[in-house]
């Protein structure tokens, strides 16, 4: 990560100022990112530019995997270089003259709605999805009778008042943000190795693939099935392993022999 910072030209993130990806970018790189409209724009830019990186939310402790992120890494042949888990505290915010009982519409990102569903179920306001939480704050600023679920930073930037804080379903709601680039910056002290694989289309193939991890005494900290874009009702698998790619070299060779396709997505430090 240190070597990457020294050569880094641009850091890209989705959204506008006050978005959680913006906060993550500043914490990890200490610089303002370049804002883009979508996660795909972030991946495309990181893939096409040398010495540039993208910041993406990959998974939330309440709502699970962020939809489409792994598919984008595969599509643009990107690697995960670093990961940081950050606590996310959502707030319900609105213009100064808006009262809680006046709110008819709430804007936010799909993930924020999922993470705050318990509280939102007590309200009668319509929920409208947006590209990110910070752009939701901008919409709430411009439209009467509306509110946004956003960060404290976004509320401060856009001059919204906090109607209700800490509205997450879980007290310790957190999101894992990943740094991606077109270079594989594996380091010997990596504590996570991420892979994507397709099991062979035959009986027991997934069992045989997972058995490789067991026989190599490797702890899987995450495994997720992902629908294949090219085949309906067929799935690939994303997995996180404890440890570096150096220590897993033999295991990955065995896994490749047991699968139809294997892609190393990165071996990196996750904190």
C-alpha atoms as a PDB file:
ATOM      1  CA  UNK A   1       0.000   0.000   0.000  1.00  0.00           C
ATOM      2  CA  UNK A   2       2.871   2.375   0.828  1.00  0.00           C
ATOM      3  CA  UNK A   3       4.563   1.787  -2.559  1.00  0.00           C
ATOM      4  CA  UNK A   4       1.201   2.231  -4.257  1.00  0.00           C
ATOM      5  CA  UNK A   5       0.661   5.601  -2.519  1.00  0.00           C
ATOM      6  CA  UNK A   6       4.060   6.885  -3.647  1.00  0.00           C
ATOM      7  CA  UNK A   7       3.256   6.387  -7.353  1.00  0.00           C
ATOM      8  CA  UNK A   8      -0.472   7.102  -7.198  1.00  0.00           C
ATOM      9  CA  UNK A   9      -1.830   9.645  -9.676  1.00  0.00           C
ATOM     10  CA  UNK A  10      -5.608   9.492  -9.170  1.00  0.00           C
ATOM     11  CA  UNK A  11      -8.031   7.908  -6.703  1.00  0.00           C
ATOM     12  CA  UNK A  12     -11.560   7.423  -8.036  1.00  0.00           C
ATOM     13  CA  UNK A  13     -14.778   6.969  -6.095  1.00  0.00           C
ATOM     14  CA  UNK A  14     -18.475   6.928  -6.881  1.00  0.00           C
ATOM     15  CA  UNK A  15     -20.636   9.795  -5.707  1.00  0.00           C
ATOM     16  CA  UNK A  16     -20.138  13.353  -4.481  1.00  0.00           C
ATOM     17  CA  UNK A  17     -18.584  14.967  -1.414  1.00  0.00           C
ATOM     18  CA  UNK A  18     -19.855  13.411   1.793  1.00  0.00           C
ATOM     19  CA  UNK A  19     -20.430   9.940   0.317  1.00  0.00           C
ATOM     20  CA  UNK A  20     -19.037   7.107   2.420  1.00  0.00           C
ATOM     21  CA  UNK A  21     -16.602   6.205  -0.381  1.00  0.00           C
ATOM     22  CA  UNK A  22     -15.336   9.800  -0.194  1.00  0.00           C
ATOM     23  CA  UNK A  23     -14.746   9.427   3.538  1.00  0.00           C
ATOM     24  CA  UNK A  24     -12.973   6.099   2.975  1.00  0.00           C
ATOM     25  CA  UNK A  25     -10.750   7.598   0.256  1.00  0.00           C
ATOM     26  CA  UNK A  26      -9.647  10.431   2.505  1.00  0.00           C
ATOM     27  CA  UNK A  27      -8.906   8.078   5.407  1.00  0.00           C
ATOM     28  CA  UNK A  28      -6.883   5.661   3.278  1.00  0.00           C
ATOM     29  CA  UNK A  29      -5.059   8.076   0.973  1.00  0.00           C
ATOM     30  CA  UNK A  30      -5.277  11.448   2.695  1.00  0.00           C
ATOM     31  CA  UNK A  31      -6.333  13.156  -0.533  1.00  0.00           C
ATOM     32  CA  UNK A  32      -9.470  14.199  -2.342  1.00  0.00           C
ATOM     33  CA  UNK A  33     -10.658  11.589  -4.860  1.00  0.00           C
ATOM     34  CA  UNK A  34     -12.001  12.142  -8.356  1.00  0.00           C
ATOM     35  CA  UNK A  35     -15.780  11.680  -8.219  1.00  0.00           C
ATOM     36  CA  UNK A  36     -17.535   9.566 -10.850  1.00  0.00           C
ATOM     37  CA  UNK A  37     -21.187   8.708 -11.464  1.00  0.00           C
ATOM     38  CA  UNK A  38     -21.191   4.921 -11.015  1.00  0.00           C
ATOM     39  CA  UNK A  39     -19.206   1.981  -9.659  1.00  0.00           C
ATOM     40  CA  UNK A  40     -18.642   0.900 -13.251  1.00  0.00           C
ATOM     41  CA  UNK A  41     -17.115   4.290 -14.087  1.00  0.00           C
ATOM     42  CA  UNK A  42     -14.740   3.842 -11.134  1.00  0.00           C
ATOM     43  CA  UNK A  43     -13.690   0.384 -12.339  1.00  0.00           C
ATOM     44  CA  UNK A  44     -13.282   1.515 -15.944  1.00  0.00           C
ATOM     45  CA  UNK A  45     -11.053   4.432 -14.910  1.00  0.00           C
ATOM     46  CA  UNK A  46      -8.923   2.295 -12.580  1.00  0.00           C
ATOM     47  CA  UNK A  47      -8.529  -0.314 -15.332  1.00  0.00           C
ATOM     48  CA  UNK A  48      -7.538   2.154 -18.049  1.00  0.00           C
ATOM     49  CA  UNK A  49      -5.005   4.246 -16.117  1.00  0.00           C
ATOM     50  CA  UNK A  50      -1.617   3.209 -14.766  1.00  0.00           C
ATOM     51  CA  UNK A  51      -0.857   4.138 -11.145  1.00  0.00           C
ATOM     52  CA  UNK A  52      -4.497   4.922 -10.391  1.00  0.00           C
ATOM     53  CA  UNK A  53      -6.933   3.251  -8.027  1.00  0.00           C
ATOM     54  CA  UNK A  54     -10.636   2.998  -7.280  1.00  0.00           C
ATOM     55  CA  UNK A  55     -12.417   2.864  -3.926  1.00  0.00           C
ATOM     56  CA  UNK A  56     -15.435   0.550  -3.776  1.00  0.00           C
ATOM     57  CA  UNK A  57     -17.729  -0.657  -0.993  1.00  0.00           C
ATOM     58  CA  UNK A  58     -17.692  -4.457  -1.223  1.00  0.00           C
ATOM     59  CA  UNK A  59     -19.655  -5.758   1.748  1.00  0.00           C
ATOM     60  CA  UNK A  60     -21.717  -4.536   4.685  1.00  0.00           C
ATOM     61  CA  UNK A  61     -22.068  -6.270   8.042  1.00  0.00           C
ATOM     62  CA  UNK A  62     -25.877  -5.864   7.949  1.00  0.00           C
ATOM     63  CA  UNK A  63     -26.884  -6.006   4.262  1.00  0.00           C
ATOM     64  CA  UNK A  64     -24.158  -8.281   2.878  1.00  0.00           C
ATOM     65  CA  UNK A  65     -22.352  -8.031  -0.475  1.00  0.00           C
ATOM     66  CA  UNK A  66     -22.783  -4.839  -2.473  1.00  0.00           C
ATOM     67  CA  UNK A  67     -24.512  -5.869  -5.685  1.00  0.00           C
ATOM     68  CA  UNK A  68     -22.388  -6.157  -8.803  1.00  0.00           C
ATOM     69  CA  UNK A  69     -18.973  -5.254  -7.379  1.00  0.00           C
ATOM     70  CA  UNK A  70     -17.270  -8.637  -7.937  1.00  0.00           C
ATOM     71  CA  UNK A  71     -18.676  -8.859 -11.475  1.00  0.00           C
ATOM     72  CA  UNK A  72     -17.112  -5.453 -12.200  1.00  0.00           C
ATOM     73  CA  UNK A  73     -13.704  -6.600 -10.909  1.00  0.00           C
ATOM     74  CA  UNK A  74     -13.877  -9.574 -13.253  1.00  0.00           C
ATOM     75  CA  UNK A  75     -15.157  -7.545 -16.206  1.00  0.00           C
ATOM     76  CA  UNK A  76     -12.355  -4.970 -15.972  1.00  0.00           C
ATOM     77  CA  UNK A  77      -9.634  -7.408 -14.821  1.00  0.00           C
ATOM     78  CA  UNK A  78      -8.960  -5.522 -11.611  1.00  0.00           C
ATOM     79  CA  UNK A  79      -7.142  -6.624  -8.459  1.00  0.00           C
ATOM     80  CA  UNK A  80      -7.901  -5.902  -4.819  1.00  0.00           C
ATOM     81  CA  UNK A  81      -4.844  -4.166  -3.326  1.00  0.00           C
ATOM     82  CA  UNK A  82      -6.066  -3.202   0.141  1.00  0.00           C
ATOM     83  CA  UNK A  83      -9.195  -3.321   2.308  1.00  0.00           C
ATOM     84  CA  UNK A  84     -10.416  -1.300   5.250  1.00  0.00           C
ATOM     85  CA  UNK A  85     -13.533  -1.867   7.339  1.00  0.00           C
ATOM     86  CA  UNK A  86     -15.204   1.320   8.538  1.00  0.00           C
ATOM     87  CA  UNK A  87     -18.071   1.851  10.948  1.00  0.00           C
ATOM     88  CA  UNK A  88     -21.085   3.356   9.176  1.00  0.00           C
ATOM     89  CA  UNK A  89     -23.578   5.437  11.155  1.00  0.00           C
ATOM     90  CA  UNK A  90     -26.604   6.498   9.121  1.00  0.00           C
ATOM     91  CA  UNK A  91     -28.678   9.564   9.985  1.00  0.00           C
ATOM     92  CA  UNK A  92     -32.085  10.780   8.842  1.00  0.00           C
ATOM     93  CA  UNK A  93     -31.582  14.376   7.731  1.00  0.00           C
ATOM     94  CA  UNK A  94     -33.666  17.143   6.173  1.00  0.00           C
ATOM     95  CA  UNK A  95     -33.784  20.910   5.628  1.00  0.00           C
ATOM     96  CA  UNK A  96     -33.956  23.099   8.709  1.00  0.00           C
ATOM     97  CA  UNK A  97     -37.672  23.900   8.261  1.00  0.00           C
ATOM     98  CA  UNK A  98     -38.778  20.259   7.771  1.00  0.00           C
ATOM     99  CA  UNK A  99     -40.364  18.455  10.712  1.00  0.00           C
ATOM    100  CA  UNK A 100     -40.315  14.675  11.121  1.00  0.00           C
ATOM    101  CA  UNK A 101     -44.082  14.425  10.646  1.00  0.00           C
ATOM    102  CA  UNK A 102     -43.871  16.396   7.375  1.00  0.00           C
ATOM    103  CA  UNK A 103     -41.572  13.913   5.625  1.00  0.00           C
ATOM    104  CA  UNK A 104     -43.284  12.251   2.652  1.00  0.00           C
ATOM    105  CA  UNK A 105     -40.229  10.977   0.756  1.00  0.00           C
ATOM    106  CA  UNK A 106     -36.865   9.610   1.891  1.00  0.00           C
ATOM    107  CA  UNK A 107     -33.930   9.404  -0.522  1.00  0.00           C
ATOM    108  CA  UNK A 108     -30.953   7.106  -0.150  1.00  0.00           C
ATOM    109  CA  UNK A 109     -28.874   4.318  -1.646  1.00  0.00           C
ATOM    110  CA  UNK A 110     -30.302   0.791  -1.697  1.00  0.00           C
ATOM    111  CA  UNK A 111     -27.711  -0.393   0.840  1.00  0.00           C
ATOM    112  CA  UNK A 112     -28.658   2.350   3.311  1.00  0.00           C
ATOM    113  CA  UNK A 113     -32.335   1.374   3.094  1.00  0.00           C
ATOM    114  CA  UNK A 114     -31.413  -2.250   3.807  1.00  0.00           C
ATOM    115  CA  UNK A 115     -29.170  -1.288   6.721  1.00  0.00           C
ATOM    116  CA  UNK A 116     -31.882   0.901   8.293  1.00  0.00           C
ATOM    117  CA  UNK A 117     -34.975  -1.180   7.450  1.00  0.00           C
ATOM    118  CA  UNK A 118     -36.137  -1.669  11.058  1.00  0.00           C
ATOM    119  CA  UNK A 119     -36.450   2.070  11.668  1.00  0.00           C
ATOM    120  CA  UNK A 120     -37.848   2.793   8.209  1.00  0.00           C
ATOM    121  CA  UNK A 121     -40.607   0.250   8.729  1.00  0.00           C
ATOM    122  CA  UNK A 122     -41.986   2.525  11.468  1.00  0.00           C
ATOM    123  CA  UNK A 123     -42.403   5.392   8.990  1.00  0.00           C
ATOM    124  CA  UNK A 124     -44.940   5.927   6.226  1.00  0.00           C
ATOM    125  CA  UNK A 125     -42.662   7.903   3.906  1.00  0.00           C
ATOM    126  CA  UNK A 126     -41.960   6.673   0.379  1.00  0.00           C
ATOM    127  CA  UNK A 127     -38.428   5.361  -0.144  1.00  0.00           C
ATOM    128  CA  UNK A 128     -36.679   6.375  -3.375  1.00  0.00           C
ATOM    129  CA  UNK A 129     -33.316   4.858  -4.295  1.00  0.00           C
ATOM    130  CA  UNK A 130     -30.459   7.068  -5.476  1.00  0.00           C
ATOM    131  CA  UNK A 131     -26.893   6.489  -6.679  1.00  0.00           C
ATOM    132  CA  UNK A 132     -25.390   7.286  -3.256  1.00  0.00           C
ATOM    133  CA  UNK A 133     -26.200   8.720   0.149  1.00  0.00           C
ATOM    134  CA  UNK A 134     -24.533  12.101  -0.432  1.00  0.00           C
ATOM    135  CA  UNK A 135     -26.498  12.818  -3.619  1.00  0.00           C
ATOM    136  CA  UNK A 136     -29.560  11.940  -1.534  1.00  0.00           C
ATOM    137  CA  UNK A 137     -28.647  14.778   0.812  1.00  0.00           C
ATOM    138  CA  UNK A 138     -28.586  17.143  -2.165  1.00  0.00           C
ATOM    139  CA  UNK A 139     -32.073  16.008  -3.223  1.00  0.00           C
ATOM    140  CA  UNK A 140     -33.429  16.519   0.294  1.00  0.00           C
ATOM    141  CA  UNK A 141     -31.945  20.020   0.292  1.00  0.00           C
ATOM    142  CA  UNK A 142     -33.782  20.937  -2.889  1.00  0.00           C
ATOM    143  CA  UNK A 143     -37.177  19.301  -2.294  1.00  0.00           C
ATOM    144  CA  UNK A 144     -39.672  20.203   0.391  1.00  0.00           C
ATOM    145  CA  UNK A 145     -41.224  17.430   2.443  1.00  0.00           C
ATOM    146  CA  UNK A 146     -38.256  15.150   1.820  1.00  0.00           C
ATOM    147  CA  UNK A 147     -35.376  13.701   3.817  1.00  0.00           C
ATOM    148  CA  UNK A 148     -32.229  11.688   3.219  1.00  0.00           C
ATOM    149  CA  UNK A 149     -30.362   8.885   4.906  1.00  0.00           C
ATOM    150  CA  UNK A 150     -26.751   9.994   4.795  1.00  0.00           C
ATOM    151  CA  UNK A 151     -23.538  10.519   6.757  1.00  0.00           C
ATOM    152  CA  UNK A 152     -22.896  13.275   9.306  1.00  0.00           C
ATOM    153  CA  UNK A 153     -20.292  14.615   6.878  1.00  0.00           C
ATOM    154  CA  UNK A 154     -22.868  14.924   4.091  1.00  0.00           C
ATOM    155  CA  UNK A 155     -25.355  16.620   6.416  1.00  0.00           C
ATOM    156  CA  UNK A 156     -22.716  19.171   7.430  1.00  0.00           C
ATOM    157  CA  UNK A 157     -21.544  19.813   3.858  1.00  0.00           C
ATOM    158  CA  UNK A 158     -25.054  20.410   2.510  1.00  0.00           C
ATOM    159  CA  UNK A 159     -26.501  22.177   5.552  1.00  0.00           C
ATOM    160  CA  UNK A 160     -29.081  19.607   6.625  1.00  0.00           C
ATOM    161  CA  UNK A 161     -30.296  19.148  10.176  1.00  0.00           C
ATOM    162  CA  UNK A 162     -30.269  15.736  11.853  1.00  0.00           C
ATOM    163  CA  UNK A 163     -33.797  14.516  12.589  1.00  0.00           C
ATOM    164  CA  UNK A 164     -32.721  11.120  13.920  1.00  0.00           C
ATOM    165  CA  UNK A 165     -29.210   9.723  14.344  1.00  0.00           C
ATOM    166  CA  UNK A 166     -27.961   6.118  14.578  1.00  0.00           C
ATOM    167  CA  UNK A 167     -30.887   4.575  12.677  1.00  0.00           C
ATOM    168  CA  UNK A 168     -29.013   1.418  11.600  1.00  0.00           C
ATOM    169  CA  UNK A 169     -30.494  -1.991  12.382  1.00  0.00           C
ATOM    170  CA  UNK A 170     -27.280  -3.003  14.135  1.00  0.00           C
ATOM    171  CA  UNK A 171     -25.402  -0.930  16.690  1.00  0.00           C
ATOM    172  CA  UNK A 172     -22.053  -1.698  15.044  1.00  0.00           C
ATOM    173  CA  UNK A 173     -22.883  -1.377  11.366  1.00  0.00           C
ATOM    174  CA  UNK A 174     -19.747  -1.475   9.209  1.00  0.00           C
ATOM    175  CA  UNK A 175     -18.749  -1.583   5.545  1.00  0.00           C
ATOM    176  CA  UNK A 176     -15.650  -3.056   3.968  1.00  0.00           C
ATOM    177  CA  UNK A 177     -14.096  -0.761   1.354  1.00  0.00           C
ATOM    178  CA  UNK A 178     -11.600  -2.144  -1.151  1.00  0.00           C
ATOM    179  CA  UNK A 179      -8.868  -0.407  -3.134  1.00  0.00           C
ATOM    180  CA  UNK A 180      -8.674  -1.778  -6.682  1.00  0.00           C
ATOM    181  CA  UNK A 181      -6.288  -1.226  -9.583  1.00  0.00           C
ATOM    182  CA  UNK A 182      -5.044  -2.900 -12.760  1.00  0.00           C
ATOM    183  CA  UNK A 183      -1.913  -4.098 -10.924  1.00  0.00           C
ATOM    184  CA  UNK A 184      -1.542  -7.030  -8.543  1.00  0.00           C
ATOM    185  CA  UNK A 185       0.263  -5.471  -5.561  1.00  0.00           C
ATOM    186  CA  UNK A 186       0.564  -8.654  -3.474  1.00  0.00           C
ATOM    187  CA  UNK A 187       2.754  -8.397  -0.379  1.00  0.00           C
ATOM    188  CA  UNK A 188       4.294 -11.124   1.782  1.00  0.00           C
ATOM    189  CA  UNK A 189       2.446  -9.963   4.915  1.00  0.00           C
ATOM    190  CA  UNK A 190      -0.988 -10.107   3.263  1.00  0.00           C
ATOM    191  CA  UNK A 191      -3.638 -11.438   5.637  1.00  0.00           C
ATOM    192  CA  UNK A 192      -6.383 -12.052   3.030  1.00  0.00           C
ATOM    193  CA  UNK A 193      -6.331 -13.708  -0.393  1.00  0.00           C
ATOM    194  CA  UNK A 194      -9.468 -13.386  -2.536  1.00  0.00           C
ATOM    195  CA  UNK A 195     -10.368 -15.734  -5.373  1.00  0.00           C
ATOM    196  CA  UNK A 196     -13.192 -16.321  -7.827  1.00  0.00           C
ATOM    197  CA  UNK A 197     -13.861 -19.765  -9.249  1.00  0.00           C
ATOM    198  CA  UNK A 198     -16.391 -21.739 -11.266  1.00  0.00           C
ATOM    199  CA  UNK A 199     -17.043 -25.310 -10.204  1.00  0.00           C
ATOM    200  CA  UNK A 200     -17.110 -27.929 -12.940  1.00  0.00           C
ATOM    201  CA  UNK A 201     -20.576 -28.779 -14.236  1.00  0.00           C
ATOM    202  CA  UNK A 202     -20.742 -32.236 -12.695  1.00  0.00           C
ATOM    203  CA  UNK A 203     -22.104 -33.851  -9.546  1.00  0.00           C
ATOM    204  CA  UNK A 204     -20.082 -33.121  -6.403  1.00  0.00           C
ATOM    205  CA  UNK A 205     -17.816 -30.555  -8.068  1.00  0.00           C
ATOM    206  CA  UNK A 206     -18.380 -27.821  -5.457  1.00  0.00           C
ATOM    207  CA  UNK A 207     -17.768 -30.327  -2.675  1.00  0.00           C
ATOM    208  CA  UNK A 208     -14.445 -31.331  -4.244  1.00  0.00           C
ATOM    209  CA  UNK A 209     -13.408 -27.687  -4.639  1.00  0.00           C
ATOM    210  CA  UNK A 210     -14.192 -26.854  -1.016  1.00  0.00           C
ATOM    211  CA  UNK A 211     -12.462 -30.019   0.131  1.00  0.00           C
ATOM    212  CA  UNK A 212      -9.194 -28.542  -1.195  1.00  0.00           C
ATOM    213  CA  UNK A 213      -9.402 -25.756   1.397  1.00  0.00           C
ATOM    214  CA  UNK A 214     -10.103 -28.287   4.154  1.00  0.00           C
ATOM    215  CA  UNK A 215      -7.183 -30.534   3.212  1.00  0.00           C
ATOM    216  CA  UNK A 216      -4.840 -27.542   3.015  1.00  0.00           C
ATOM    217  CA  UNK A 217      -6.022 -26.406   6.472  1.00  0.00           C
ATOM    218  CA  UNK A 218      -7.118 -23.013   5.130  1.00  0.00           C
ATOM    219  CA  UNK A 219      -9.741 -20.942   6.884  1.00  0.00           C
ATOM    220  CA  UNK A 220     -12.331 -19.411   4.545  1.00  0.00           C
ATOM    221  CA  UNK A 221     -13.576 -16.180   6.105  1.00  0.00           C
ATOM    222  CA  UNK A 222     -16.180 -15.640   3.366  1.00  0.00           C
ATOM    223  CA  UNK A 223     -17.760 -17.472   0.448  1.00  0.00           C
ATOM    224  CA  UNK A 224     -20.523 -16.143  -1.787  1.00  0.00           C
ATOM    225  CA  UNK A 225     -22.308 -17.545  -4.829  1.00  0.00           C
ATOM    226  CA  UNK A 226     -22.650 -15.148  -7.753  1.00  0.00           C
ATOM    227  CA  UNK A 227     -24.936 -15.701 -10.764  1.00  0.00           C
ATOM    228  CA  UNK A 228     -23.104 -16.100 -14.065  1.00  0.00           C
ATOM    229  CA  UNK A 229     -23.975 -13.376 -16.565  1.00  0.00           C
ATOM    230  CA  UNK A 230     -23.474 -15.747 -19.493  1.00  0.00           C
ATOM    231  CA  UNK A 231     -25.578 -18.644 -18.125  1.00  0.00           C
ATOM    232  CA  UNK A 232     -28.920 -18.328 -16.329  1.00  0.00           C
ATOM    233  CA  UNK A 233     -29.203 -20.303 -13.077  1.00  0.00           C
ATOM    234  CA  UNK A 234     -25.497 -21.135 -13.021  1.00  0.00           C
ATOM    235  CA  UNK A 235     -23.137 -19.694 -10.428  1.00  0.00           C
ATOM    236  CA  UNK A 236     -19.543 -18.787  -9.720  1.00  0.00           C
ATOM    237  CA  UNK A 237     -18.063 -18.429  -6.239  1.00  0.00           C
ATOM    238  CA  UNK A 238     -16.152 -15.656  -4.520  1.00  0.00           C
ATOM    239  CA  UNK A 239     -14.055 -16.634  -1.496  1.00  0.00           C
ATOM    240  CA  UNK A 240     -11.755 -14.934   1.022  1.00  0.00           C
ATOM    241  CA  UNK A 241      -8.954 -16.992   2.595  1.00  0.00           C
ATOM    242  CA  UNK A 242      -6.869 -16.113   5.600  1.00  0.00           C
ATOM    243  CA  UNK A 243      -3.199 -15.598   4.726  1.00  0.00           C
ATOM    244  CA  UNK A 244      -1.025 -14.598   1.780  1.00  0.00           C
ATOM    245  CA  UNK A 245      -0.897 -16.022  -1.720  1.00  0.00           C
ATOM    246  CA  UNK A 246       2.679 -17.191  -1.037  1.00  0.00           C
ATOM    247  CA  UNK A 247       1.515 -19.560   1.693  1.00  0.00           C
ATOM    248  CA  UNK A 248      -1.432 -20.757  -0.432  1.00  0.00           C
ATOM    249  CA  UNK A 249       0.441 -21.484  -3.659  1.00  0.00           C
ATOM    250  CA  UNK A 250       0.085 -25.277  -3.533  1.00  0.00           C
ATOM    251  CA  UNK A 251      -3.543 -25.066  -2.437  1.00  0.00           C
ATOM    252  CA  UNK A 252      -4.412 -22.781  -5.347  1.00  0.00           C
ATOM    253  CA  UNK A 253      -2.757 -25.168  -7.808  1.00  0.00           C
ATOM    254  CA  UNK A 254      -4.949 -27.986  -6.453  1.00  0.00           C
ATOM    255  CA  UNK A 255      -8.022 -25.753  -6.565  1.00  0.00           C
ATOM    256  CA  UNK A 256      -7.339 -24.884 -10.205  1.00  0.00           C
ATOM    257  CA  UNK A 257      -7.258 -28.585 -11.056  1.00  0.00           C
ATOM    258  CA  UNK A 258     -10.659 -29.082  -9.409  1.00  0.00           C
ATOM    259  CA  UNK A 259     -12.423 -26.122 -11.032  1.00  0.00           C
ATOM    260  CA  UNK A 260     -13.442 -24.977 -14.498  1.00  0.00           C
ATOM    261  CA  UNK A 261     -12.040 -21.475 -13.956  1.00  0.00           C
ATOM    262  CA  UNK A 262      -9.961 -19.788 -11.235  1.00  0.00           C
ATOM    263  CA  UNK A 263      -9.052 -16.106 -10.896  1.00  0.00           C
ATOM    264  CA  UNK A 264      -6.865 -14.643  -8.141  1.00  0.00           C
ATOM    265  CA  UNK A 265      -8.476 -11.313  -7.273  1.00  0.00           C
ATOM    266  CA  UNK A 266      -5.748 -10.200  -4.890  1.00  0.00           C
ATOM    267  CA  UNK A 267      -3.612 -10.961  -1.857  1.00  0.00           C
ATOM    268  CA  UNK A 268      -3.627  -7.915   0.394  1.00  0.00           C
ATOM    269  CA  UNK A 269      -3.788  -6.401   3.862  1.00  0.00           C
ATOM    270  CA  UNK A 270      -7.287  -6.025   5.278  1.00  0.00           C
ATOM    271  CA  UNK A 271      -7.772  -4.033   8.473  1.00  0.00           C
END
